[in-house]
Amino acid sequence: MTGPGFPRRMMQYLLGAFVRNFALALAGIVMIILLAAVFDEFNKVMRNHPPAWAIFAYFALKLPFTTAQALPMAVLMGTLLTLAGMNRSQELNAMRGGGM
């Protein structure tokens, strides 16, 4: 729901830009954390010579917790990337000039 001073179309545009940057940041952070976990725990996992599907399942089941850990940083990075991109293309100045 938008307020009286913030047009619906502008909200859609900002949300679309943020969601794109947030998704990229979240995917990147989760991949970095999972790769670090793979390299950190690979020796412990390989001691018992498990099958490949068990190794994959072990690290796949870490995905929800890793995603929960990465969400705050992804929100921060998504916001910063969105604002930096808008500042680079002078969109923030146009919004200020338009009364936003």
PDB file of N, CA and C in Angstrom:
ATOM      1  N   MET A   1       0.848  -1.175   0.000  1.00  0.00           N
ATOM      2  CA  MET A   1       0.000   0.000   0.000  1.00  0.00           C
ATOM      3  C   MET A   1       0.889   1.232   0.000  1.00  0.00           C
ATOM      4  N   THR A   2       0.645   2.106  -0.888  1.00  0.00           N
ATOM      5  CA  THR A   2       1.465   3.310  -1.001  1.00  0.00           C
ATOM      6  C   THR A   2       0.745   4.480  -0.345  1.00  0.00           C
ATOM      7  N   GLY A   3       1.540   5.413   0.147  1.00  0.00           N
ATOM      8  CA  GLY A   3       0.988   6.601   0.777  1.00  0.00           C
ATOM      9  C   GLY A   3       0.586   7.620  -0.275  1.00  0.00           C
ATOM     10  N   PRO A   4       0.056   8.751   0.179  1.00  0.00           N
ATOM     11  CA  PRO A   4      -0.391   9.767  -0.772  1.00  0.00           C
ATOM     12  C   PRO A   4       0.751  10.422  -1.535  1.00  0.00           C
ATOM     13  N   GLY A   5       1.976  10.410  -1.001  1.00  0.00           N
ATOM     14  CA  GLY A   5       3.077  11.085  -1.658  1.00  0.00           C
ATOM     15  C   GLY A   5       3.977  10.165  -2.465  1.00  0.00           C
ATOM     16  N   PHE A   6       3.660   8.883  -2.532  1.00  0.00           N
ATOM     17  CA  PHE A   6       4.546   7.941  -3.199  1.00  0.00           C
ATOM     18  C   PHE A   6       3.749   7.160  -4.243  1.00  0.00           C
ATOM     19  N   PRO A   7       3.956   7.450  -5.518  1.00  0.00           N
ATOM     20  CA  PRO A   7       3.160   6.804  -6.568  1.00  0.00           C
ATOM     21  C   PRO A   7       3.381   5.293  -6.625  1.00  0.00           C
ATOM     22  N   ARG A   8       2.332   4.603  -7.003  1.00  0.00           N
ATOM     23  CA  ARG A   8       2.367   3.144  -7.086  1.00  0.00           C
ATOM     24  C   ARG A   8       3.409   2.669  -8.101  1.00  0.00           C
ATOM     25  N   ARG A   9       3.509   3.342  -9.216  1.00  0.00           N
ATOM     26  CA  ARG A   9       4.457   2.949 -10.260  1.00  0.00           C
ATOM     27  C   ARG A   9       5.903   3.060  -9.771  1.00  0.00           C
ATOM     28  N   MET A  10       6.189   4.096  -8.990  1.00  0.00           N
ATOM     29  CA  MET A  10       7.530   4.276  -8.439  1.00  0.00           C
ATOM     30  C   MET A  10       7.848   3.162  -7.439  1.00  0.00           C
ATOM     31  N   MET A  11       6.861   2.776  -6.638  1.00  0.00           N
ATOM     32  CA  MET A  11       7.055   1.697  -5.682  1.00  0.00           C
ATOM     33  C   MET A  11       7.352   0.382  -6.405  1.00  0.00           C
ATOM     34  N   GLN A  12       6.658   0.110  -7.491  1.00  0.00           N
ATOM     35  CA  GLN A  12       6.907  -1.096  -8.273  1.00  0.00           C
ATOM     36  C   GLN A  12       8.319  -1.077  -8.857  1.00  0.00           C
ATOM     37  N   TYR A  13       8.742   0.053  -9.348  1.00  0.00           N
ATOM     38  CA  TYR A  13      10.074   0.182  -9.932  1.00  0.00           C
ATOM     39  C   TYR A  13      11.161  -0.045  -8.883  1.00  0.00           C
ATOM     40  N   LEU A  14      11.011   0.598  -7.720  1.00  0.00           N
ATOM     41  CA  LEU A  14      11.985   0.433  -6.645  1.00  0.00           C
ATOM     42  C   LEU A  14      12.021  -0.998  -6.128  1.00  0.00           C
ATOM     43  N   LEU A  15      10.854  -1.591  -5.972  1.00  0.00           N
ATOM     44  CA  LEU A  15      10.794  -2.964  -5.484  1.00  0.00           C
ATOM     45  C   LEU A  15      11.418  -3.935  -6.475  1.00  0.00           C
ATOM     46  N   GLY A  16      11.172  -3.730  -7.767  1.00  0.00           N
ATOM     47  CA  GLY A  16      11.769  -4.586  -8.783  1.00  0.00           C
ATOM     48  C   GLY A  16      13.290  -4.493  -8.787  1.00  0.00           C
ATOM     49  N   ALA A  17      13.810  -3.284  -8.668  1.00  0.00           N
ATOM     50  CA  ALA A  17      15.262  -3.099  -8.634  1.00  0.00           C
ATOM     51  C   ALA A  17      15.854  -3.724  -7.375  1.00  0.00           C
ATOM     52  N   PHE A  18      15.174  -3.548  -6.236  1.00  0.00           N
ATOM     53  CA  PHE A  18      15.678  -4.118  -4.993  1.00  0.00           C
ATOM     54  C   PHE A  18      15.647  -5.640  -5.010  1.00  0.00           C
ATOM     55  N   VAL A  19      14.545  -6.220  -5.478  1.00  0.00           N
ATOM     56  CA  VAL A  19      14.417  -7.684  -5.471  1.00  0.00           C
ATOM     57  C   VAL A  19      15.486  -8.320  -6.347  1.00  0.00           C
ATOM     58  N   ARG A  20      15.779  -7.729  -7.481  1.00  0.00           N
ATOM     59  CA  ARG A  20      16.824  -8.262  -8.364  1.00  0.00           C
ATOM     60  C   ARG A  20      18.190  -8.238  -7.657  1.00  0.00           C
ATOM     61  N   ASN A  21      18.532  -7.119  -7.050  1.00  0.00           N
ATOM     62  CA  ASN A  21      19.816  -7.013  -6.346  1.00  0.00           C
ATOM     63  C   ASN A  21      19.851  -7.896  -5.108  1.00  0.00           C
ATOM     64  N   PHE A  22      18.735  -7.991  -4.396  1.00  0.00           N
ATOM     65  CA  PHE A  22      18.660  -8.838  -3.212  1.00  0.00           C
ATOM     66  C   PHE A  22      18.852 -10.305  -3.570  1.00  0.00           C
ATOM     67  N   ALA A  23      18.201 -10.752  -4.640  1.00  0.00           N
ATOM     68  CA  ALA A  23      18.324 -12.158  -5.047  1.00  0.00           C
ATOM     69  C   ALA A  23      19.764 -12.487  -5.455  1.00  0.00           C
ATOM     70  N   LEU A  24      20.389 -11.591  -6.188  1.00  0.00           N
ATOM     71  CA  LEU A  24      21.781 -11.827  -6.576  1.00  0.00           C
ATOM     72  C   LEU A  24      22.706 -11.847  -5.354  1.00  0.00           C
ATOM     73  N   ALA A  25      22.490 -10.925  -4.442  1.00  0.00           N
ATOM     74  CA  ALA A  25      23.325 -10.881  -3.236  1.00  0.00           C
ATOM     75  C   ALA A  25      23.095 -12.123  -2.381  1.00  0.00           C
ATOM     76  N   LEU A  26      21.847 -12.536  -2.227  1.00  0.00           N
ATOM     77  CA  LEU A  26      21.548 -13.721  -1.421  1.00  0.00           C
ATOM     78  C   LEU A  26      22.177 -14.970  -2.031  1.00  0.00           C
ATOM     79  N   ALA A  27      22.032 -15.137  -3.332  1.00  0.00           N
ATOM     80  CA  ALA A  27      22.624 -16.305  -3.990  1.00  0.00           C
ATOM     81  C   ALA A  27      24.144 -16.301  -3.850  1.00  0.00           C
ATOM     82  N   GLY A  28      24.760 -15.160  -4.025  1.00  0.00           N
ATOM     83  CA  GLY A  28      26.208 -15.073  -3.905  1.00  0.00           C
ATOM     84  C   GLY A  28      26.703 -15.368  -2.505  1.00  0.00           C
ATOM     85  N   ILE A  29      26.047 -14.805  -1.513  1.00  0.00           N
ATOM     86  CA  ILE A  29      26.474 -15.015  -0.125  1.00  0.00           C
ATOM     87  C   ILE A  29      26.272 -16.467   0.283  1.00  0.00           C
ATOM     88  N   VAL A  30      25.133 -17.049  -0.091  1.00  0.00           N
ATOM     89  CA  VAL A  30      24.872 -18.450   0.257  1.00  0.00           C
ATOM     90  C   VAL A  30      25.903 -19.359  -0.409  1.00  0.00           C
ATOM     91  N   MET A  31      26.232 -19.087  -1.660  1.00  0.00           N
ATOM     92  CA  MET A  31      27.229 -19.919  -2.344  1.00  0.00           C
ATOM     93  C   MET A  31      28.601 -19.802  -1.679  1.00  0.00           C
ATOM     94  N   ILE A  32      28.980 -18.611  -1.278  1.00  0.00           N
ATOM     95  CA  ILE A  32      30.270 -18.429  -0.606  1.00  0.00           C
ATOM     96  C   ILE A  32      30.299 -19.171   0.734  1.00  0.00           C
ATOM     97  N   ILE A  33      29.216 -19.071   1.511  1.00  0.00           N
ATOM     98  CA  ILE A  33      29.164 -19.757   2.803  1.00  0.00           C
ATOM     99  C   ILE A  33      29.185 -21.269   2.610  1.00  0.00           C
ATOM    100  N   LEU A  34      28.426 -21.772   1.622  1.00  0.00           N
ATOM    101  CA  LEU A  34      28.411 -23.216   1.383  1.00  0.00           C
ATOM    102  C   LEU A  34      29.760 -23.718   0.880  1.00  0.00           C
ATOM    103  N   LEU A  35      30.417 -22.966   0.008  1.00  0.00           N
ATOM    104  CA  LEU A  35      31.744 -23.376  -0.448  1.00  0.00           C
ATOM    105  C   LEU A  35      32.737 -23.402   0.708  1.00  0.00           C
ATOM    106  N   ALA A  36      32.647 -22.434   1.590  1.00  0.00           N
ATOM    107  CA  ALA A  36      33.525 -22.432   2.762  1.00  0.00           C
ATOM    108  C   ALA A  36      33.238 -23.643   3.642  1.00  0.00           C
ATOM    109  N   ALA A  37      31.969 -24.005   3.791  1.00  0.00           N
ATOM    110  CA  ALA A  37      31.612 -25.180   4.592  1.00  0.00           C
ATOM    111  C   ALA A  37      32.112 -26.462   3.937  1.00  0.00           C
ATOM    112  N   VAL A  38      32.018 -26.540   2.612  1.00  0.00           N
ATOM    113  CA  VAL A  38      32.508 -27.722   1.909  1.00  0.00           C
ATOM    114  C   VAL A  38      34.001 -27.890   2.138  1.00  0.00           C
ATOM    115  N   PHE A  39      34.766 -26.849   1.955  1.00  0.00           N
ATOM    116  CA  PHE A  39      36.208 -26.943   2.145  1.00  0.00           C
ATOM    117  C   PHE A  39      36.578 -27.166   3.611  1.00  0.00           C
ATOM    118  N   ASP A  40      35.789 -26.624   4.518  1.00  0.00           N
ATOM    119  CA  ASP A  40      36.081 -26.763   5.942  1.00  0.00           C
ATOM    120  C   ASP A  40      35.758 -28.163   6.456  1.00  0.00           C
ATOM    121  N   GLU A  41      34.653 -28.747   6.008  1.00  0.00           N
ATOM    122  CA  GLU A  41      34.175 -30.011   6.568  1.00  0.00           C
ATOM    123  C   GLU A  41      34.415 -31.217   5.670  1.00  0.00           C
ATOM    124  N   PHE A  42      35.048 -31.043   4.548  1.00  0.00           N
ATOM    125  CA  PHE A  42      35.180 -32.147   3.594  1.00  0.00           C
ATOM    126  C   PHE A  42      35.986 -33.307   4.172  1.00  0.00           C
ATOM    127  N   ASN A  43      37.046 -33.033   4.908  1.00  0.00           N
ATOM    128  CA  ASN A  43      37.848 -34.112   5.504  1.00  0.00           C
ATOM    129  C   ASN A  43      37.047 -34.909   6.532  1.00  0.00           C
ATOM    130  N   LYS A  44      36.245 -34.211   7.353  1.00  0.00           N
ATOM    131  CA  LYS A  44      35.414 -34.915   8.332  1.00  0.00           C
ATOM    132  C   LYS A  44      34.382 -35.804   7.640  1.00  0.00           C
ATOM    133  N   VAL A  45      33.810 -35.309   6.561  1.00  0.00           N
ATOM    134  CA  VAL A  45      32.785 -36.069   5.853  1.00  0.00           C
ATOM    135  C   VAL A  45      33.387 -37.277   5.156  1.00  0.00           C
ATOM    136  N   MET A  46      34.564 -37.132   4.604  1.00  0.00           N
ATOM    137  CA  MET A  46      35.166 -38.207   3.805  1.00  0.00           C
ATOM    138  C   MET A  46      35.832 -39.311   4.636  1.00  0.00           C
ATOM    139  N   ARG A  47      35.923 -39.154   5.945  1.00  0.00           N
ATOM    140  CA  ARG A  47      36.547 -40.176   6.783  1.00  0.00           C
ATOM    141  C   ARG A  47      35.874 -41.540   6.659  1.00  0.00           C
ATOM    142  N   ASN A  48      34.552 -41.547   6.550  1.00  0.00           N
ATOM    143  CA  ASN A  48      33.794 -42.804   6.520  1.00  0.00           C
ATOM    144  C   ASN A  48      33.460 -43.260   5.113  1.00  0.00           C
ATOM    145  N   HIS A  49      33.952 -42.581   4.097  1.00  0.00           N
ATOM    146  CA  HIS A  49      33.722 -42.931   2.692  1.00  0.00           C
ATOM    147  C   HIS A  49      32.235 -43.077   2.347  1.00  0.00           C
ATOM    148  N   PRO A  50      31.453 -42.013   2.564  1.00  0.00           N
ATOM    149  CA  PRO A  50      30.020 -42.102   2.245  1.00  0.00           C
ATOM    150  C   PRO A  50      29.803 -42.021   0.731  1.00  0.00           C
ATOM    151  N   PRO A  51      28.622 -42.461   0.263  1.00  0.00           N
ATOM    152  CA  PRO A  51      28.311 -42.315  -1.161  1.00  0.00           C
ATOM    153  C   PRO A  51      28.125 -40.837  -1.532  1.00  0.00           C
ATOM    154  N   ALA A  52      28.210 -40.556  -2.814  1.00  0.00           N
ATOM    155  CA  ALA A  52      28.134 -39.168  -3.281  1.00  0.00           C
ATOM    156  C   ALA A  52      26.797 -38.521  -2.937  1.00  0.00           C
ATOM    157  N   TRP A  53      25.708 -39.290  -3.021  1.00  0.00           N
ATOM    158  CA  TRP A  53      24.404 -38.703  -2.709  1.00  0.00           C
ATOM    159  C   TRP A  53      24.325 -38.289  -1.239  1.00  0.00           C
ATOM    160  N   ALA A  54      24.984 -39.007  -0.345  1.00  0.00           N
ATOM    161  CA  ALA A  54      24.963 -38.652   1.071  1.00  0.00           C
ATOM    162  C   ALA A  54      25.737 -37.353   1.327  1.00  0.00           C
ATOM    163  N   ILE A  55      26.842 -37.200   0.623  1.00  0.00           N
ATOM    164  CA  ILE A  55      27.614 -35.955   0.752  1.00  0.00           C
ATOM    165  C   ILE A  55      26.796 -34.779   0.246  1.00  0.00           C
ATOM    166  N   PHE A  56      26.169 -34.969  -0.913  1.00  0.00           N
ATOM    167  CA  PHE A  56      25.321 -33.911  -1.470  1.00  0.00           C
ATOM    168  C   PHE A  56      24.164 -33.592  -0.532  1.00  0.00           C
ATOM    169  N   ALA A  57      23.517 -34.621   0.022  1.00  0.00           N
ATOM    170  CA  ALA A  57      22.388 -34.408   0.939  1.00  0.00           C
ATOM    171  C   ALA A  57      22.842 -33.679   2.198  1.00  0.00           C
ATOM    172  N   TYR A  58      24.023 -34.026   2.695  1.00  0.00           N
ATOM    173  CA  TYR A  58      24.547 -33.381   3.894  1.00  0.00           C
ATOM    174  C   TYR A  58      24.677 -31.873   3.698  1.00  0.00           C
ATOM    175  N   PHE A  59      25.268 -31.491   2.572  1.00  0.00           N
ATOM    176  CA  PHE A  59      25.453 -30.060   2.332  1.00  0.00           C
ATOM    177  C   PHE A  59      24.160 -29.387   1.859  1.00  0.00           C
ATOM    178  N   ALA A  60      23.284 -30.113   1.198  1.00  0.00           N
ATOM    179  CA  ALA A  60      22.000 -29.535   0.778  1.00  0.00           C
ATOM    180  C   ALA A  60      21.106 -29.259   1.983  1.00  0.00           C
ATOM    181  N   LEU A  61      21.195 -30.101   2.999  1.00  0.00           N
ATOM    182  CA  LEU A  61      20.386 -29.885   4.193  1.00  0.00           C
ATOM    183  C   LEU A  61      20.891 -28.723   5.041  1.00  0.00           C
ATOM    184  N   LYS A  62      22.085 -28.248   4.773  1.00  0.00           N
ATOM    185  CA  LYS A  62      22.597 -27.058   5.443  1.00  0.00           C
ATOM    186  C   LYS A  62      22.079 -25.776   4.794  1.00  0.00           C
ATOM    187  N   LEU A  63      21.463 -25.908   3.626  1.00  0.00           N
ATOM    188  CA  LEU A  63      21.029 -24.747   2.855  1.00  0.00           C
ATOM    189  C   LEU A  63      20.022 -23.853   3.592  1.00  0.00           C
ATOM    190  N   PRO A  64      18.969 -24.381   4.238  1.00  0.00           N
ATOM    191  CA  PRO A  64      18.032 -23.477   4.936  1.00  0.00           C
ATOM    192  C   PRO A  64      18.682 -22.654   6.040  1.00  0.00           C
ATOM    193  N   PHE A  65      19.525 -23.276   6.845  1.00  0.00           N
ATOM    194  CA  PHE A  65      20.195 -22.537   7.922  1.00  0.00           C
ATOM    195  C   PHE A  65      21.155 -21.502   7.349  1.00  0.00           C
ATOM    196  N   THR A  66      21.854 -21.887   6.299  1.00  0.00           N
ATOM    197  CA  THR A  66      22.790 -20.957   5.656  1.00  0.00           C
ATOM    198  C   THR A  66      22.037 -19.771   5.067  1.00  0.00           C
ATOM    199  N   THR A  67      20.886 -20.040   4.467  1.00  0.00           N
ATOM    200  CA  THR A  67      20.074 -18.954   3.908  1.00  0.00           C
ATOM    201  C   THR A  67      19.598 -18.013   5.008  1.00  0.00           C
ATOM    202  N   ALA A  68      19.184 -18.571   6.137  1.00  0.00           N
ATOM    203  CA  ALA A  68      18.750 -17.738   7.262  1.00  0.00           C
ATOM    204  C   ALA A  68      19.896 -16.876   7.787  1.00  0.00           C
ATOM    205  N   GLN A  69      21.103 -17.405   7.777  1.00  0.00           N
ATOM    206  CA  GLN A  69      22.256 -16.624   8.212  1.00  0.00           C
ATOM    207  C   GLN A  69      22.579 -15.512   7.219  1.00  0.00           C
ATOM    208  N   ALA A  70      22.370 -15.769   5.940  1.00  0.00           N
ATOM    209  CA  ALA A  70      22.762 -14.823   4.900  1.00  0.00           C
ATOM    210  C   ALA A  70      21.719 -13.738   4.645  1.00  0.00           C
ATOM    211  N   LEU A  71      20.485 -13.910   5.100  1.00  0.00           N
ATOM    212  CA  LEU A  71      19.427 -12.941   4.801  1.00  0.00           C
ATOM    213  C   LEU A  71      19.731 -11.511   5.243  1.00  0.00           C
ATOM    214  N   PRO A  72      20.175 -11.270   6.480  1.00  0.00           N
ATOM    215  CA  PRO A  72      20.437  -9.874   6.862  1.00  0.00           C
ATOM    216  C   PRO A  72      21.499  -9.193   5.992  1.00  0.00           C
ATOM    217  N   MET A  73      22.569  -9.906   5.702  1.00  0.00           N
ATOM    218  CA  MET A  73      23.620  -9.331   4.861  1.00  0.00           C
ATOM    219  C   MET A  73      23.120  -9.113   3.434  1.00  0.00           C
ATOM    220  N   ALA A  74      22.274 -10.004   2.944  1.00  0.00           N
ATOM    221  CA  ALA A  74      21.742  -9.864   1.593  1.00  0.00           C
ATOM    222  C   ALA A  74      20.801  -8.662   1.491  1.00  0.00           C
ATOM    223  N   VAL A  75      20.017  -8.423   2.528  1.00  0.00           N
ATOM    224  CA  VAL A  75      19.146  -7.242   2.532  1.00  0.00           C
ATOM    225  C   VAL A  75      19.988  -5.974   2.503  1.00  0.00           C
ATOM    226  N   LEU A  76      21.030  -5.941   3.326  1.00  0.00           N
ATOM    227  CA  LEU A  76      21.914  -4.782   3.349  1.00  0.00           C
ATOM    228  C   LEU A  76      22.580  -4.569   1.990  1.00  0.00           C
ATOM    229  N   MET A  77      23.126  -5.643   1.427  1.00  0.00           N
ATOM    230  CA  MET A  77      23.800  -5.513   0.137  1.00  0.00           C
ATOM    231  C   MET A  77      22.815  -5.153  -0.973  1.00  0.00           C
ATOM    232  N   GLY A  78      21.626  -5.739  -0.948  1.00  0.00           N
ATOM    233  CA  GLY A  78      20.619  -5.408  -1.953  1.00  0.00           C
ATOM    234  C   GLY A  78      20.220  -3.942  -1.895  1.00  0.00           C
ATOM    235  N   THR A  79      20.056  -3.428  -0.691  1.00  0.00           N
ATOM    236  CA  THR A  79      19.707  -2.016  -0.530  1.00  0.00           C
ATOM    237  C   THR A  79      20.834  -1.116  -1.024  1.00  0.00           C
ATOM    238  N   LEU A  80      22.054  -1.432  -0.620  1.00  0.00           N
ATOM    239  CA  LEU A  80      23.193  -0.603  -1.033  1.00  0.00           C
ATOM    240  C   LEU A  80      23.414  -0.653  -2.540  1.00  0.00           C
ATOM    241  N   LEU A  81      23.294  -1.835  -3.133  1.00  0.00           N
ATOM    242  CA  LEU A  81      23.466  -1.937  -4.581  1.00  0.00           C
ATOM    243  C   LEU A  81      22.367  -1.204  -5.341  1.00  0.00           C
ATOM    244  N   THR A  82      21.149  -1.278  -4.836  1.00  0.00           N
ATOM    245  CA  THR A  82      20.038  -0.570  -5.483  1.00  0.00           C
ATOM    246  C   THR A  82      20.255   0.936  -5.426  1.00  0.00           C
ATOM    247  N   LEU A  83      20.595   1.438  -4.238  1.00  0.00           N
ATOM    248  CA  LEU A  83      20.806   2.884  -4.106  1.00  0.00           C
ATOM    249  C   LEU A  83      22.030   3.345  -4.886  1.00  0.00           C
ATOM    250  N   ALA A  84      23.085   2.555  -4.907  1.00  0.00           N
ATOM    251  CA  ALA A  84      24.281   2.935  -5.669  1.00  0.00           C
ATOM    252  C   ALA A  84      23.992   2.958  -7.164  1.00  0.00           C
ATOM    253  N   GLY A  85      23.241   1.980  -7.650  1.00  0.00           N
ATOM    254  CA  GLY A  85      22.880   1.967  -9.069  1.00  0.00           C
ATOM    255  C   GLY A  85      22.001   3.147  -9.449  1.00  0.00           C
ATOM    256  N   MET A  86      21.070   3.497  -8.565  1.00  0.00           N
ATOM    257  CA  MET A  86      20.202   4.646  -8.841  1.00  0.00           C
ATOM    258  C   MET A  86      20.987   5.954  -8.756  1.00  0.00           C
ATOM    259  N   ASN A  87      21.929   6.029  -7.856  1.00  0.00           N
ATOM    260  CA  ASN A  87      22.750   7.229  -7.747  1.00  0.00           C
ATOM    261  C   ASN A  87      23.651   7.377  -8.974  1.00  0.00           C
ATOM    262  N   ARG A  88      24.178   6.253  -9.453  1.00  0.00           N
ATOM    263  CA  ARG A  88      25.070   6.283 -10.622  1.00  0.00           C
ATOM    264  C   ARG A  88      24.330   6.786 -11.865  1.00  0.00           C
ATOM    265  N   SER A  89      23.067   6.413 -12.002  1.00  0.00           N
ATOM    266  CA  SER A  89      22.308   6.837 -13.190  1.00  0.00           C
ATOM    267  C   SER A  89      21.458   8.088 -12.919  1.00  0.00           C
ATOM    268  N   GLN A  90      21.723   8.765 -11.821  1.00  0.00           N
ATOM    269  CA  GLN A  90      21.066  10.034 -11.471  1.00  0.00           C
ATOM    270  C   GLN A  90      19.563   9.889 -11.234  1.00  0.00           C
ATOM    271  N   GLU A  91      19.094   8.682 -10.943  1.00  0.00           N
ATOM    272  CA  GLU A  91      17.663   8.496 -10.689  1.00  0.00           C
ATOM    273  C   GLU A  91      17.255   9.075  -9.342  1.00  0.00           C
ATOM    274  N   LEU A  92      18.143   9.036  -8.365  1.00  0.00           N
ATOM    275  CA  LEU A  92      17.813   9.617  -7.058  1.00  0.00           C
ATOM    276  C   LEU A  92      17.643  11.126  -7.165  1.00  0.00           C
ATOM    277  N   ASN A  93      18.488  11.763  -7.975  1.00  0.00           N
ATOM    278  CA  ASN A  93      18.335  13.204  -8.178  1.00  0.00           C
ATOM    279  C   ASN A  93      17.010  13.527  -8.853  1.00  0.00           C
ATOM    280  N   ALA A  94      16.601  12.700  -9.803  1.00  0.00           N
ATOM    281  CA  ALA A  94      15.330  12.913 -10.490  1.00  0.00           C
ATOM    282  C   ALA A  94      14.169  12.747  -9.518  1.00  0.00           C
ATOM    283  N   MET A  95      14.269  11.771  -8.609  1.00  0.00           N
ATOM    284  CA  MET A  95      13.202  11.585  -7.610  1.00  0.00           C
ATOM    285  C   MET A  95      13.124  12.773  -6.670  1.00  0.00           C
ATOM    286  N   ARG A  96      14.301  13.254  -6.222  1.00  0.00           N
ATOM    287  CA  ARG A  96      14.303  14.427  -5.346  1.00  0.00           C
ATOM    288  C   ARG A  96      13.739  15.642  -6.069  1.00  0.00           C
ATOM    289  N   GLY A  97      14.102  15.795  -7.342  1.00  0.00           N
ATOM    290  CA  GLY A  97      13.594  16.930  -8.116  1.00  0.00           C
ATOM    291  C   GLY A  97      12.108  16.837  -8.362  1.00  0.00           C
ATOM    292  N   GLY A  98      11.586  15.624  -8.408  1.00  0.00           N
ATOM    293  CA  GLY A  98      10.156  15.415  -8.613  1.00  0.00           C
ATOM    294  C   GLY A  98       9.345  15.507  -7.330  1.00  0.00           C
ATOM    295  N   GLY A  99      10.012  15.691  -6.201  1.00  0.00           N
ATOM    296  CA  GLY A  99       9.288  15.866  -4.950  1.00  0.00           C
ATOM    297  C   GLY A  99       9.202  14.622  -4.098  1.00  0.00           C
ATOM    298  N   MET A 100       9.966  13.593  -4.386  1.00  0.00           N
ATOM    299  CA  MET A 100       9.927  12.361  -3.580  1.00  0.00           C
ATOM    300  C   MET A 100      10.790  12.523  -2.355  1.00  0.00           C
TER     301      MET A 100
END
